[in-house]
N, C-alpha and C. Protein backbone atom coordinates (compact mmCIF):
# COMPACT_ATOMS: atom_id res chain seq x y z
N MET A 1 5.66 41.02 95.07
CA MET A 1 4.93 42.14 94.53
C MET A 1 5.78 42.77 93.43
N SER A 2 5.14 43.12 92.34
CA SER A 2 5.87 43.73 91.22
C SER A 2 6.30 45.15 91.58
N GLU A 3 7.28 45.65 90.87
CA GLU A 3 7.74 47.02 91.05
C GLU A 3 6.62 48.01 90.72
N LYS A 4 5.84 47.68 89.70
CA LYS A 4 4.72 48.54 89.30
C LYS A 4 3.70 48.67 90.43
N LEU A 5 3.34 47.55 91.04
CA LEU A 5 2.38 47.57 92.13
C LEU A 5 2.96 48.26 93.36
N LEU A 6 4.21 47.99 93.65
CA LEU A 6 4.86 48.66 94.78
C LEU A 6 4.86 50.18 94.58
N ASN A 7 5.19 50.62 93.39
CA ASN A 7 5.20 52.06 93.11
C ASN A 7 3.79 52.66 93.24
N ALA A 8 2.79 51.93 92.80
CA ALA A 8 1.41 52.41 92.90
C ALA A 8 0.97 52.50 94.36
N LEU A 9 1.36 51.53 95.17
CA LEU A 9 1.04 51.58 96.60
C LEU A 9 1.77 52.73 97.28
N ASN A 10 3.02 52.94 96.90
CA ASN A 10 3.76 54.08 97.44
C ASN A 10 3.11 55.40 97.05
N ASP A 11 2.65 55.49 95.80
CA ASP A 11 1.96 56.70 95.37
C ASP A 11 0.71 56.94 96.21
N GLN A 12 -0.01 55.86 96.51
CA GLN A 12 -1.22 56.01 97.31
C GLN A 12 -0.89 56.38 98.75
N TYR A 13 0.17 55.81 99.30
CA TYR A 13 0.61 56.22 100.64
C TYR A 13 0.81 57.73 100.66
N ASN A 14 1.53 58.24 99.68
CA ASN A 14 1.82 59.68 99.63
C ASN A 14 0.57 60.50 99.37
N PHE A 15 -0.37 59.96 98.59
CA PHE A 15 -1.62 60.67 98.34
C PHE A 15 -2.46 60.74 99.61
N GLU A 16 -2.42 59.71 100.42
CA GLU A 16 -3.14 59.74 101.71
C GLU A 16 -2.52 60.80 102.63
N MET A 17 -1.21 60.91 102.61
CA MET A 17 -0.55 61.97 103.39
C MET A 17 -0.99 63.34 102.88
N LEU A 18 -1.04 63.49 101.57
CA LEU A 18 -1.49 64.73 100.96
C LEU A 18 -2.93 65.04 101.37
N SER A 19 -3.76 64.03 101.43
CA SER A 19 -5.15 64.21 101.83
C SER A 19 -5.24 64.82 103.23
N GLY A 20 -4.45 64.31 104.14
CA GLY A 20 -4.43 64.87 105.48
C GLY A 20 -4.01 66.33 105.47
N TYR A 21 -3.02 66.64 104.67
CA TYR A 21 -2.52 68.01 104.53
C TYR A 21 -3.62 68.91 103.98
N TYR A 22 -4.37 68.43 102.98
CA TYR A 22 -5.48 69.19 102.42
C TYR A 22 -6.54 69.48 103.48
N TYR A 23 -6.86 68.46 104.27
CA TYR A 23 -7.88 68.66 105.31
C TYR A 23 -7.42 69.64 106.38
N LEU A 24 -6.14 69.64 106.69
CA LEU A 24 -5.64 70.63 107.66
C LEU A 24 -5.74 72.04 107.10
N ALA A 25 -5.50 72.21 105.81
CA ALA A 25 -5.65 73.53 105.19
C ALA A 25 -7.11 73.98 105.25
N MET A 26 -8.03 73.05 105.00
CA MET A 26 -9.46 73.37 105.08
C MET A 26 -9.84 73.73 106.51
N ALA A 27 -9.31 72.96 107.46
CA ALA A 27 -9.59 73.23 108.87
C ALA A 27 -9.08 74.61 109.26
N SER A 28 -7.91 74.96 108.78
CA SER A 28 -7.33 76.27 109.09
C SER A 28 -8.22 77.39 108.58
N TYR A 29 -8.75 77.23 107.38
CA TYR A 29 -9.68 78.23 106.83
C TYR A 29 -10.90 78.35 107.75
N CYS A 30 -11.51 77.24 108.10
CA CYS A 30 -12.71 77.27 108.96
C CYS A 30 -12.41 77.88 110.31
N GLU A 31 -11.27 77.53 110.87
CA GLU A 31 -10.85 78.09 112.16
C GLU A 31 -10.73 79.61 112.06
N SER A 32 -10.14 80.08 110.97
CA SER A 32 -9.96 81.53 110.80
C SER A 32 -11.29 82.26 110.64
N GLU A 33 -12.33 81.54 110.25
CA GLU A 33 -13.67 82.11 110.08
C GLU A 33 -14.56 81.81 111.30
N ASN A 34 -13.96 81.37 112.39
CA ASN A 34 -14.66 81.09 113.65
C ASN A 34 -15.68 79.97 113.57
N MET A 35 -15.47 79.04 112.66
CA MET A 35 -16.31 77.85 112.58
C MET A 35 -15.52 76.70 113.19
N LYS A 36 -15.46 76.71 114.49
CA LYS A 36 -14.61 75.77 115.22
C LYS A 36 -15.09 74.33 115.10
N GLY A 37 -16.39 74.13 114.97
CA GLY A 37 -16.91 72.77 114.79
C GLY A 37 -16.49 72.19 113.46
N MET A 38 -16.61 72.99 112.41
CA MET A 38 -16.16 72.53 111.10
C MET A 38 -14.67 72.27 111.11
N ALA A 39 -13.92 73.18 111.75
CA ALA A 39 -12.47 73.00 111.84
C ALA A 39 -12.15 71.70 112.57
N HIS A 40 -12.84 71.43 113.67
CA HIS A 40 -12.63 70.20 114.43
C HIS A 40 -12.90 68.98 113.55
N PHE A 41 -14.02 68.99 112.84
CA PHE A 41 -14.37 67.88 111.96
C PHE A 41 -13.25 67.63 110.95
N LEU A 42 -12.73 68.70 110.37
CA LEU A 42 -11.71 68.57 109.33
C LEU A 42 -10.36 68.14 109.91
N VAL A 43 -10.04 68.56 111.12
CA VAL A 43 -8.82 68.07 111.78
C VAL A 43 -8.96 66.57 112.03
N GLU A 44 -10.12 66.15 112.48
CA GLU A 44 -10.35 64.71 112.70
C GLU A 44 -10.26 63.95 111.38
N GLN A 45 -10.75 64.57 110.32
CA GLN A 45 -10.65 63.95 109.00
C GLN A 45 -9.18 63.81 108.60
N ALA A 46 -8.38 64.84 108.88
CA ALA A 46 -6.94 64.78 108.57
C ALA A 46 -6.29 63.63 109.33
N LYS A 47 -6.62 63.49 110.60
CA LYS A 47 -6.06 62.40 111.41
C LYS A 47 -6.42 61.05 110.79
N GLU A 48 -7.65 60.94 110.32
CA GLU A 48 -8.10 59.69 109.70
C GLU A 48 -7.30 59.41 108.43
N GLU A 49 -7.04 60.44 107.64
CA GLU A 49 -6.25 60.26 106.42
C GLU A 49 -4.84 59.80 106.75
N TYR A 50 -4.25 60.35 107.82
CA TYR A 50 -2.92 59.91 108.23
C TYR A 50 -2.95 58.46 108.70
N GLU A 51 -4.05 58.05 109.34
CA GLU A 51 -4.21 56.65 109.73
C GLU A 51 -4.28 55.76 108.47
N HIS A 52 -4.97 56.24 107.46
CA HIS A 52 -5.04 55.49 106.19
C HIS A 52 -3.64 55.36 105.59
N ALA A 53 -2.89 56.45 105.62
CA ALA A 53 -1.52 56.41 105.10
C ALA A 53 -0.69 55.36 105.84
N MET A 54 -0.86 55.29 107.15
CA MET A 54 -0.10 54.33 107.95
C MET A 54 -0.51 52.90 107.64
N LYS A 55 -1.76 52.69 107.25
CA LYS A 55 -2.16 51.35 106.81
C LYS A 55 -1.36 50.96 105.57
N PHE A 56 -1.20 51.90 104.63
CA PHE A 56 -0.38 51.62 103.44
C PHE A 56 1.08 51.42 103.83
N TYR A 57 1.56 52.25 104.74
CA TYR A 57 2.94 52.15 105.21
C TYR A 57 3.22 50.75 105.77
N ASP A 58 2.34 50.31 106.67
CA ASP A 58 2.50 48.98 107.28
C ASP A 58 2.37 47.86 106.26
N PHE A 59 1.40 47.99 105.35
CA PHE A 59 1.19 46.95 104.35
C PHE A 59 2.40 46.82 103.43
N ILE A 60 2.90 47.94 102.96
CA ILE A 60 4.07 47.90 102.08
C ILE A 60 5.23 47.22 102.78
N ASN A 61 5.45 47.56 104.02
CA ASN A 61 6.52 46.92 104.79
C ASN A 61 6.26 45.44 105.02
N ASP A 62 5.02 45.08 105.31
CA ASP A 62 4.67 43.67 105.50
C ASP A 62 4.91 42.85 104.23
N MET A 63 4.81 43.51 103.08
CA MET A 63 5.01 42.83 101.80
C MET A 63 6.47 42.93 101.33
N ASP A 64 7.35 43.27 102.27
CA ASP A 64 8.79 43.39 101.99
C ASP A 64 9.13 44.48 100.98
N GLY A 65 8.27 45.49 100.90
CA GLY A 65 8.55 46.64 100.06
C GLY A 65 9.18 47.74 100.90
N ARG A 66 9.45 48.85 100.27
CA ARG A 66 10.00 49.99 100.98
C ARG A 66 9.16 51.21 100.67
N VAL A 67 8.76 51.92 101.71
CA VAL A 67 7.97 53.13 101.55
C VAL A 67 8.92 54.27 101.19
N LYS A 68 8.53 55.03 100.18
CA LYS A 68 9.33 56.18 99.75
C LYS A 68 8.49 57.44 99.82
N MET A 69 9.05 58.44 100.51
CA MET A 69 8.36 59.71 100.66
C MET A 69 8.52 60.54 99.38
N GLN A 70 7.44 61.24 99.05
CA GLN A 70 7.44 62.11 97.87
C GLN A 70 7.11 63.53 98.33
N ALA A 71 7.40 64.49 97.48
CA ALA A 71 7.06 65.89 97.77
C ALA A 71 5.54 66.04 97.85
N ILE A 72 5.11 66.91 98.74
CA ILE A 72 3.68 67.18 98.89
C ILE A 72 3.43 68.60 98.41
N PRO A 73 2.57 68.75 97.40
CA PRO A 73 2.30 70.11 96.89
C PRO A 73 1.47 70.93 97.88
N GLU A 74 1.57 72.24 97.74
CA GLU A 74 0.82 73.15 98.61
C GLU A 74 -0.68 72.98 98.33
N PRO A 75 -1.47 72.88 99.39
CA PRO A 75 -2.92 72.75 99.20
C PRO A 75 -3.57 74.11 98.98
N LYS A 76 -4.81 74.08 98.57
CA LYS A 76 -5.61 75.30 98.49
C LYS A 76 -5.83 75.79 99.92
N ASN A 77 -5.61 77.07 100.14
CA ASN A 77 -5.73 77.62 101.48
C ASN A 77 -6.92 78.56 101.67
N ASP A 78 -7.47 79.07 100.59
CA ASP A 78 -8.55 80.05 100.69
C ASP A 78 -9.79 79.55 99.96
N TYR A 79 -10.93 79.84 100.56
CA TYR A 79 -12.21 79.41 100.02
C TYR A 79 -13.19 80.57 100.07
N SER A 80 -14.20 80.50 99.22
CA SER A 80 -15.22 81.56 99.18
C SER A 80 -16.36 81.28 100.15
N SER A 81 -16.48 80.02 100.58
CA SER A 81 -17.58 79.65 101.47
C SER A 81 -17.27 78.31 102.14
N PHE A 82 -18.05 77.99 103.16
CA PHE A 82 -17.92 76.69 103.80
C PHE A 82 -18.43 75.60 102.88
N LEU A 83 -19.43 75.94 102.07
CA LEU A 83 -19.92 74.99 101.08
C LEU A 83 -18.79 74.61 100.12
N GLU A 84 -18.01 75.59 99.68
CA GLU A 84 -16.89 75.30 98.78
C GLU A 84 -15.87 74.38 99.45
N VAL A 85 -15.65 74.57 100.74
CA VAL A 85 -14.71 73.70 101.48
C VAL A 85 -15.14 72.25 101.34
N PHE A 86 -16.41 71.98 101.62
CA PHE A 86 -16.88 70.60 101.63
C PHE A 86 -17.11 70.05 100.22
N GLU A 87 -17.42 70.92 99.27
CA GLU A 87 -17.47 70.46 97.87
C GLU A 87 -16.07 70.05 97.41
N THR A 88 -15.07 70.82 97.82
CA THR A 88 -13.68 70.47 97.49
C THR A 88 -13.30 69.16 98.15
N ALA A 89 -13.73 68.98 99.40
CA ALA A 89 -13.45 67.73 100.11
C ALA A 89 -14.08 66.54 99.39
N LEU A 90 -15.33 66.69 98.94
CA LEU A 90 -16.00 65.61 98.22
C LEU A 90 -15.27 65.28 96.93
N GLU A 91 -14.88 66.29 96.17
CA GLU A 91 -14.15 66.04 94.92
C GLU A 91 -12.83 65.32 95.20
N HIS A 92 -12.18 65.71 96.28
CA HIS A 92 -10.93 65.02 96.64
C HIS A 92 -11.20 63.56 97.00
N GLU A 93 -12.25 63.31 97.77
CA GLU A 93 -12.59 61.93 98.15
C GLU A 93 -12.92 61.10 96.91
N LYS A 94 -13.55 61.72 95.92
CA LYS A 94 -13.84 60.99 94.68
C LYS A 94 -12.54 60.61 93.97
N LYS A 95 -11.54 61.49 94.02
CA LYS A 95 -10.23 61.17 93.44
C LYS A 95 -9.60 60.00 94.19
N VAL A 96 -9.70 60.03 95.51
CA VAL A 96 -9.16 58.92 96.31
C VAL A 96 -9.85 57.62 95.92
N THR A 97 -11.17 57.66 95.80
CA THR A 97 -11.93 56.47 95.42
C THR A 97 -11.45 55.92 94.08
N GLY A 98 -11.31 56.79 93.11
CA GLY A 98 -10.83 56.36 91.80
C GLY A 98 -9.46 55.73 91.87
N ARG A 99 -8.59 56.30 92.69
CA ARG A 99 -7.24 55.76 92.85
C ARG A 99 -7.28 54.38 93.50
N ILE A 100 -8.16 54.21 94.49
CA ILE A 100 -8.30 52.91 95.15
C ILE A 100 -8.79 51.87 94.14
N TYR A 101 -9.78 52.24 93.33
CA TYR A 101 -10.28 51.31 92.32
C TYR A 101 -9.19 50.93 91.32
N ASP A 102 -8.38 51.92 90.92
CA ASP A 102 -7.27 51.63 90.00
C ASP A 102 -6.26 50.68 90.63
N LEU A 103 -5.96 50.90 91.90
CA LEU A 103 -5.04 50.01 92.62
C LEU A 103 -5.61 48.60 92.70
N LEU A 104 -6.89 48.51 93.00
CA LEU A 104 -7.54 47.21 93.11
C LEU A 104 -7.49 46.48 91.76
N LYS A 105 -7.75 47.19 90.69
CA LYS A 105 -7.69 46.58 89.36
C LYS A 105 -6.28 46.06 89.08
N LEU A 106 -5.26 46.85 89.39
CA LEU A 106 -3.88 46.44 89.18
C LEU A 106 -3.54 45.22 90.02
N ALA A 107 -3.95 45.22 91.28
CA ALA A 107 -3.68 44.08 92.16
C ALA A 107 -4.36 42.82 91.65
N GLU A 108 -5.58 42.96 91.14
CA GLU A 108 -6.29 41.80 90.58
C GLU A 108 -5.58 41.29 89.33
N GLU A 109 -5.15 42.22 88.45
CA GLU A 109 -4.43 41.82 87.24
C GLU A 109 -3.15 41.07 87.57
N GLU A 110 -2.48 41.49 88.63
CA GLU A 110 -1.21 40.87 89.01
C GLU A 110 -1.40 39.68 89.95
N LYS A 111 -2.65 39.39 90.26
CA LYS A 111 -2.97 38.28 91.15
C LYS A 111 -2.26 38.40 92.51
N SER A 112 -2.19 39.64 92.98
CA SER A 112 -1.62 39.91 94.30
C SER A 112 -2.78 39.89 95.30
N TYR A 113 -3.15 38.70 95.71
CA TYR A 113 -4.34 38.53 96.53
C TYR A 113 -4.25 39.18 97.91
N PRO A 114 -3.08 39.23 98.54
CA PRO A 114 -3.00 39.99 99.79
C PRO A 114 -3.32 41.48 99.58
N THR A 115 -2.90 42.01 98.44
CA THR A 115 -3.18 43.42 98.15
C THR A 115 -4.67 43.62 97.87
N VAL A 116 -5.27 42.70 97.14
CA VAL A 116 -6.70 42.77 96.87
C VAL A 116 -7.47 42.79 98.19
N GLN A 117 -7.11 41.87 99.09
CA GLN A 117 -7.79 41.81 100.38
C GLN A 117 -7.57 43.08 101.18
N PHE A 118 -6.36 43.60 101.19
CA PHE A 118 -6.03 44.84 101.90
C PHE A 118 -6.88 46.00 101.37
N LEU A 119 -7.03 46.11 100.07
CA LEU A 119 -7.72 47.25 99.47
C LEU A 119 -9.24 47.20 99.66
N GLN A 120 -9.79 46.01 99.94
CA GLN A 120 -11.23 45.90 100.13
C GLN A 120 -11.72 46.82 101.26
N TRP A 121 -10.93 46.95 102.31
CA TRP A 121 -11.30 47.83 103.42
C TRP A 121 -11.47 49.26 102.92
N PHE A 122 -10.56 49.70 102.04
CA PHE A 122 -10.61 51.05 101.52
C PHE A 122 -11.80 51.29 100.61
N VAL A 123 -12.25 50.26 99.91
CA VAL A 123 -13.43 50.38 99.06
C VAL A 123 -14.63 50.77 99.93
N SER A 124 -14.82 50.07 101.03
CA SER A 124 -15.92 50.38 101.95
C SER A 124 -15.73 51.74 102.60
N GLU A 125 -14.52 52.03 102.99
CA GLU A 125 -14.21 53.30 103.66
C GLU A 125 -14.52 54.49 102.74
N GLN A 126 -14.20 54.37 101.47
CA GLN A 126 -14.42 55.48 100.55
C GLN A 126 -15.91 55.74 100.33
N LEU A 127 -16.71 54.71 100.34
CA LEU A 127 -18.16 54.90 100.24
C LEU A 127 -18.64 55.73 101.43
N GLU A 128 -18.16 55.39 102.60
CA GLU A 128 -18.51 56.13 103.82
C GLU A 128 -18.03 57.58 103.75
N GLU A 129 -16.80 57.78 103.28
CA GLU A 129 -16.23 59.13 103.19
C GLU A 129 -17.05 60.01 102.24
N GLU A 130 -17.35 59.49 101.07
CA GLU A 130 -18.11 60.28 100.10
C GLU A 130 -19.51 60.60 100.62
N ASN A 131 -20.17 59.61 101.22
CA ASN A 131 -21.51 59.85 101.74
C ASN A 131 -21.52 60.87 102.87
N SER A 132 -20.50 60.86 103.70
CA SER A 132 -20.38 61.83 104.78
C SER A 132 -20.29 63.25 104.22
N MET A 133 -19.45 63.43 103.21
CA MET A 133 -19.30 64.76 102.59
C MET A 133 -20.58 65.18 101.89
N LYS A 134 -21.25 64.26 101.23
CA LYS A 134 -22.51 64.59 100.56
C LYS A 134 -23.56 65.06 101.57
N ASP A 135 -23.60 64.42 102.73
CA ASP A 135 -24.55 64.80 103.77
C ASP A 135 -24.28 66.22 104.27
N ILE A 136 -23.01 66.53 104.48
CA ILE A 136 -22.65 67.88 104.94
C ILE A 136 -22.99 68.91 103.87
N ILE A 137 -22.70 68.61 102.62
CA ILE A 137 -23.01 69.53 101.52
C ILE A 137 -24.51 69.77 101.45
N PHE A 138 -25.30 68.73 101.60
CA PHE A 138 -26.75 68.87 101.58
C PHE A 138 -27.21 69.85 102.66
N LYS A 139 -26.65 69.72 103.85
CA LYS A 139 -27.03 70.61 104.96
C LYS A 139 -26.58 72.03 104.69
N LEU A 140 -25.35 72.19 104.20
CA LEU A 140 -24.86 73.54 103.92
C LEU A 140 -25.64 74.21 102.79
N GLU A 141 -26.04 73.44 101.79
CA GLU A 141 -26.87 74.01 100.71
C GLU A 141 -28.22 74.46 101.27
N GLY A 142 -28.73 73.72 102.23
CA GLY A 142 -30.02 74.06 102.83
C GLY A 142 -29.99 75.33 103.65
N VAL A 143 -28.89 75.59 104.32
CA VAL A 143 -28.83 76.78 105.17
C VAL A 143 -28.26 77.99 104.45
N GLN A 144 -27.62 77.74 103.29
CA GLN A 144 -26.96 78.80 102.52
C GLN A 144 -26.11 79.66 103.44
N LYS A 145 -26.43 80.95 103.54
CA LYS A 145 -25.62 81.85 104.37
C LYS A 145 -26.39 82.30 105.61
N HIS A 146 -27.39 81.53 106.00
CA HIS A 146 -28.16 81.88 107.21
C HIS A 146 -27.32 81.54 108.44
N PHE A 147 -27.04 82.54 109.20
CA PHE A 147 -26.12 82.40 110.34
C PHE A 147 -26.56 81.29 111.30
N HIS A 148 -27.81 81.27 111.69
CA HIS A 148 -28.26 80.28 112.66
C HIS A 148 -28.13 78.86 112.12
N GLY A 149 -28.45 78.69 110.85
CA GLY A 149 -28.29 77.37 110.24
C GLY A 149 -26.84 76.95 110.17
N LEU A 150 -25.97 77.88 109.81
CA LEU A 150 -24.53 77.57 109.78
C LEU A 150 -24.04 77.18 111.17
N MET A 151 -24.52 77.88 112.18
CA MET A 151 -24.09 77.56 113.54
C MET A 151 -24.57 76.17 113.97
N MET A 152 -25.74 75.77 113.51
CA MET A 152 -26.24 74.43 113.83
C MET A 152 -25.37 73.37 113.17
N VAL A 153 -25.03 73.59 111.88
CA VAL A 153 -24.16 72.64 111.18
C VAL A 153 -22.78 72.62 111.86
N ASP A 154 -22.28 73.79 112.21
CA ASP A 154 -20.98 73.88 112.88
C ASP A 154 -21.00 73.09 114.20
N ARG A 155 -22.05 73.25 114.97
CA ARG A 155 -22.17 72.54 116.26
C ARG A 155 -22.22 71.03 116.03
N GLU A 156 -22.98 70.62 115.03
CA GLU A 156 -23.08 69.18 114.72
C GLU A 156 -21.71 68.60 114.34
N LEU A 157 -20.99 69.30 113.47
CA LEU A 157 -19.68 68.80 113.03
C LEU A 157 -18.66 68.82 114.17
N GLY A 158 -18.83 69.73 115.09
CA GLY A 158 -17.94 69.80 116.24
C GLY A 158 -18.10 68.64 117.19
N SER A 159 -19.19 67.91 117.08
CA SER A 159 -19.42 66.77 117.99
C SER A 159 -18.76 65.50 117.52
N ARG A 160 -18.08 65.56 116.38
CA ARG A 160 -17.41 64.36 115.85
C ARG A 160 -16.34 63.91 116.80
């Protein structure tokens, strides 16, 4: 594996860690607003992001590379609404998707076929992630600030 590809994979490992951190900040906001179902959903999302990071960790090691930790910037901690939380989550997932596509393009250019195969899982996963956030946003837009509707969405997300 080239140094360029190794560095890009390391960057993605660290971005996946950052994603988990972002989701925990979102969960903390929801928890503080007594939306425990939304908080639960976002904590589970954070766990999933850390699992994604570990996939990169293991892959880099399997390819005889070395994982390097980078600084993680402070996430956004305050939001104006639950809709903003999930809109922010969707925008972040779109960034992740773009990064995965860029990694895939680099791996294809370098003919690193194990990396191409590894990244295919993430291509499918990102489609699922974005669609999940879009579905939640649709529901939150529908209920706006109606308490009963918010509670229904909260209960649904808490069942994850």
